């Protein structure tokens, strides 16, 4: 069982297809600030009170391997179990 829910929704909306293959993967925690996980958070220009944390998994991985590494990173930063994590587009 996964500790986190990974969603491809935003990626599919942006690219018209599901993410796949090998590459550099980034993930988004919407409306959440996680100290130390990323050098900075994104401030939404439309809603300035909203903060999204965007973070990259270093290296070149398949998406499934990148998700595993993201889950380890999130757990290390005490991100609550069940949090939805979005594949960045």
Protein backbone atom coordinates (compact mmCIF):
# COMPACT_ATOMS: atom_id res chain seq x y z
CA UNK A 1 0.00 0.00 0.00
CA UNK A 2 1.29 3.47 -0.91
CA UNK A 3 1.67 6.07 1.78
CA UNK A 4 0.82 8.82 -0.72
CA UNK A 5 -1.69 9.21 -3.52
CA UNK A 6 0.06 10.13 -6.78
CA UNK A 7 -2.06 11.88 -9.39
CA UNK A 8 -1.29 12.29 -13.09
CA UNK A 9 -4.28 14.63 -13.57
CA UNK A 10 -2.39 17.89 -14.16
CA UNK A 11 0.15 16.18 -16.42
CA UNK A 12 -2.60 14.66 -18.57
CA UNK A 13 -4.39 18.02 -18.81
CA UNK A 14 -1.17 19.72 -19.93
CA UNK A 15 0.10 17.04 -22.35
CA UNK A 16 -2.99 15.13 -23.42
CA UNK A 17 -1.47 11.82 -22.40
CA UNK A 18 -0.34 9.98 -19.30
CA UNK A 19 3.27 10.39 -18.17
CA UNK A 20 5.55 7.48 -18.99
CA UNK A 21 9.10 6.58 -19.78
CA UNK A 22 12.38 7.56 -18.22
CA UNK A 23 13.43 11.07 -17.37
CA UNK A 24 13.73 13.81 -14.80
CA UNK A 25 10.53 13.92 -12.70
CA UNK A 26 9.10 16.71 -10.59
CA UNK A 27 6.20 16.55 -8.17
CA UNK A 28 3.85 19.12 -6.64
CA UNK A 29 2.23 19.33 -3.22
CA UNK A 30 -0.65 21.73 -3.78
CA UNK A 31 -1.35 24.40 -1.19
CA UNK A 32 1.31 23.00 1.10
CA UNK A 33 4.64 24.32 2.30
CA UNK A 34 7.14 21.68 3.33
CA UNK A 35 10.28 23.21 4.81
CA UNK A 36 13.54 21.77 3.56
CA UNK A 37 12.12 19.66 0.74
CA UNK A 38 12.64 22.29 -1.96
CA UNK A 39 14.71 25.46 -2.17
CA UNK A 40 11.56 27.54 -2.58
CA UNK A 41 7.83 27.30 -2.92
CA UNK A 42 5.72 28.57 -5.79
CA UNK A 43 3.45 31.50 -5.04
CA UNK A 44 0.29 31.34 -7.14
CA UNK A 45 -0.14 34.69 -8.92
CA UNK A 46 -3.93 34.32 -9.04
CA UNK A 47 -4.28 33.39 -5.39
CA UNK A 48 -1.31 34.88 -3.51
CA UNK A 49 -2.24 33.11 -0.27
CA UNK A 50 -1.75 29.71 -1.91
CA UNK A 51 1.68 28.10 -1.75
CA UNK A 52 2.64 24.98 -3.69
CA UNK A 53 5.80 23.00 -3.00
CA UNK A 54 7.47 21.77 -6.18
CA UNK A 55 10.36 19.35 -5.91
CA UNK A 56 12.53 17.32 -8.28
CA UNK A 57 13.83 13.81 -7.83
CA UNK A 58 17.52 14.00 -8.78
CA UNK A 59 18.67 11.66 -11.51
CA UNK A 60 17.01 9.89 -14.42
CA UNK A 61 14.34 7.38 -13.42
CA UNK A 62 11.21 5.67 -14.62
CA UNK A 63 8.11 7.35 -13.23
CA UNK A 64 7.39 4.43 -10.91
CA UNK A 65 10.91 4.57 -9.45
CA UNK A 66 10.69 8.37 -9.10
CA UNK A 67 7.41 7.97 -7.18
CA UNK A 68 9.08 5.52 -4.78
CA UNK A 69 11.92 7.98 -4.19
CA UNK A 70 9.44 10.84 -3.75
CA UNK A 71 7.56 8.83 -1.13
CA UNK A 72 10.77 8.25 0.84
CA UNK A 73 11.58 11.98 0.66
CA UNK A 74 8.07 12.98 1.76
CA UNK A 75 8.13 10.55 4.68
CA UNK A 76 11.52 11.92 5.76
CA UNK A 77 9.96 15.41 5.87
CA UNK A 78 6.94 14.21 7.89
CA UNK A 79 4.40 14.84 5.11
CA UNK A 80 1.17 13.19 6.32
CA UNK A 81 0.23 9.79 4.92
CA UNK A 82 -2.56 10.02 2.35
CA UNK A 83 -1.40 13.36 0.95
CA UNK A 84 -2.03 13.73 -2.80
CA UNK A 85 1.15 14.34 -4.79
CA UNK A 86 0.82 15.54 -8.37
CA UNK A 87 3.18 14.66 -11.20
CA UNK A 88 4.36 18.07 -12.42
CA UNK A 89 3.59 19.16 -15.93
